[in-house]
Amino acid sequence: VLSLEGVTLVTSGALKMLVGMWQRARELRGDIVLAAPNEPARDALSATGLDLIFTVTRTVKAATAHFQQGNQR
């Protein structure tokens, strides 16, 4: 679970890092859930299509529940 609470700027470097983390998690048969992104972060994820590969939840609690339910993409 990666909380994006309080993130006000998402740079291209940050997006690249997220993709690298996602790729590594998939290699290890894991997943990454992005939690509680504010509007600028949601806009950046949407504009790059990353909202289609990441599970994005409104709260950290919902992201944690994603794993407790045994979900993976």
C-alpha atoms as a PDB file:
ATOM      1  CA  VAL A   1       0.000   0.000   0.000  1.00  0.00           C
ATOM      2  CA  LEU A   2       1.445   3.322  -1.075  1.00  0.00           C
ATOM      3  CA  SER A   3      -0.343   6.281   0.477  1.00  0.00           C
ATOM      4  CA  LEU A   4      -0.467   9.342  -1.740  1.00  0.00           C
ATOM      5  CA  GLU A   5      -2.113  11.475   0.948  1.00  0.00           C
ATOM      6  CA  GLY A   6      -0.571  14.907   0.888  1.00  0.00           C
ATOM      7  CA  VAL A   7       1.181  14.440  -2.466  1.00  0.00           C
ATOM      8  CA  THR A   8       0.735  17.694  -4.334  1.00  0.00           C
ATOM      9  CA  LEU A   9       3.108  17.198  -7.245  1.00  0.00           C
ATOM     10  CA  VAL A  10       3.725  14.077  -9.307  1.00  0.00           C
ATOM     11  CA  THR A  11       6.803  14.379 -11.513  1.00  0.00           C
ATOM     12  CA  SER A  12       7.798  12.207 -14.446  1.00  0.00           C
ATOM     13  CA  GLY A  13      10.513  10.740 -12.222  1.00  0.00           C
ATOM     14  CA  ALA A  14       7.926   9.758  -9.624  1.00  0.00           C
ATOM     15  CA  LEU A  15       5.768   8.123 -12.293  1.00  0.00           C
ATOM     16  CA  LYS A  16       8.790   6.214 -13.596  1.00  0.00           C
ATOM     17  CA  MET A  17       9.537   5.039 -10.058  1.00  0.00           C
ATOM     18  CA  LEU A  18       5.946   3.841  -9.631  1.00  0.00           C
ATOM     19  CA  VAL A  19       6.150   1.834 -12.847  1.00  0.00           C
ATOM     20  CA  GLY A  20       9.436   0.271 -11.722  1.00  0.00           C
ATOM     21  CA  MET A  21       7.924  -0.649  -8.354  1.00  0.00           C
ATOM     22  CA  TRP A  22       4.884  -2.133 -10.089  1.00  0.00           C
ATOM     23  CA  GLN A  23       7.059  -4.208 -12.426  1.00  0.00           C
ATOM     24  CA  ARG A  24       9.114  -5.543  -9.528  1.00  0.00           C
ATOM     25  CA  ALA A  25       6.006  -6.358  -7.498  1.00  0.00           C
ATOM     26  CA  ARG A  26       4.581  -8.286 -10.453  1.00  0.00           C
ATOM     27  CA  GLU A  27       7.836 -10.243 -10.848  1.00  0.00           C
ATOM     28  CA  LEU A  28       7.436 -11.272  -7.213  1.00  0.00           C
ATOM     29  CA  ARG A  29       3.746 -12.126  -7.789  1.00  0.00           C
ATOM     30  CA  GLY A  30       2.680  -9.151  -5.695  1.00  0.00           C
ATOM     31  CA  ASP A  31       0.714  -5.997  -6.197  1.00  0.00           C
ATOM     32  CA  ILE A  32       0.837  -2.326  -5.292  1.00  0.00           C
ATOM     33  CA  VAL A  33      -2.237  -0.359  -4.307  1.00  0.00           C
ATOM     34  CA  LEU A  34      -2.163   3.424  -4.448  1.00  0.00           C
ATOM     35  CA  ALA A  35      -4.221   4.920  -1.652  1.00  0.00           C
ATOM     36  CA  ALA A  36      -5.893   8.274  -1.150  1.00  0.00           C
ATOM     37  CA  PRO A  37      -4.495  10.272  -4.076  1.00  0.00           C
ATOM     38  CA  ASN A  38      -5.621  13.886  -4.143  1.00  0.00           C
ATOM     39  CA  GLU A  39      -6.864  15.509  -7.334  1.00  0.00           C
ATOM     40  CA  PRO A  40      -3.445  16.440  -8.811  1.00  0.00           C
ATOM     41  CA  ALA A  41      -2.153  12.902  -8.232  1.00  0.00           C
ATOM     42  CA  ARG A  42      -5.336  11.351  -9.695  1.00  0.00           C
ATOM     43  CA  ASP A  43      -5.025  13.629 -12.724  1.00  0.00           C
ATOM     44  CA  ALA A  44      -1.404  12.572 -13.300  1.00  0.00           C
ATOM     45  CA  LEU A  45      -2.279   8.881 -12.983  1.00  0.00           C
ATOM     46  CA  SER A  46      -5.201   9.289 -15.365  1.00  0.00           C
ATOM     47  CA  ALA A  47      -3.286  11.343 -17.932  1.00  0.00           C
ATOM     48  CA  THR A  48      -0.581   8.677 -18.155  1.00  0.00           C
ATOM     49  CA  GLY A  49      -2.922   5.687 -18.071  1.00  0.00           C
ATOM     50  CA  LEU A  50      -1.367   4.416 -14.859  1.00  0.00           C
ATOM     51  CA  ASP A  51      -4.778   4.371 -13.231  1.00  0.00           C
ATOM     52  CA  LEU A  52      -5.471   1.419 -15.539  1.00  0.00           C
ATOM     53  CA  ILE A  53      -2.619  -0.739 -14.225  1.00  0.00           C
ATOM     54  CA  PHE A  54      -2.688   0.240 -10.556  1.00  0.00           C
ATOM     55  CA  THR A  55      -5.473  -0.408  -8.122  1.00  0.00           C
ATOM     56  CA  VAL A  56      -6.330   3.045  -6.747  1.00  0.00           C
ATOM     57  CA  THR A  57      -8.456   3.436  -3.617  1.00  0.00           C
ATOM     58  CA  ARG A  58      -9.911   6.484  -1.907  1.00  0.00           C
ATOM     59  CA  THR A  59      -8.504   5.568   1.524  1.00  0.00           C
ATOM     60  CA  VAL A  60      -5.596   3.695   3.074  1.00  0.00           C
ATOM     61  CA  LYS A  61      -8.132   1.508   4.881  1.00  0.00           C
ATOM     62  CA  ALA A  62      -9.686   0.471   1.561  1.00  0.00           C
ATOM     63  CA  ALA A  63      -6.238  -0.320   0.159  1.00  0.00           C
ATOM     64  CA  THR A  64      -5.438  -2.494   3.153  1.00  0.00           C
ATOM     65  CA  ALA A  65      -8.773  -4.274   2.753  1.00  0.00           C
ATOM     66  CA  HIS A  66      -7.811  -5.038  -0.862  1.00  0.00           C
ATOM     67  CA  PHE A  67      -4.993  -7.253   0.391  1.00  0.00           C
ATOM     68  CA  GLN A  68      -6.945  -8.706   3.296  1.00  0.00           C
ATOM     69  CA  GLN A  69      -9.493  -9.959   0.781  1.00  0.00           C
ATOM     70  CA  GLY A  70      -6.731 -11.684  -1.197  1.00  0.00           C
ATOM     71  CA  ASN A  71      -7.172  -9.538  -4.298  1.00  0.00           C
ATOM     72  CA  GLN A  72      -4.515  -9.146  -6.943  1.00  0.00           C
ATOM     73  CA  ARG A  73      -4.554  -7.952 -10.508  1.00  0.00           C
END
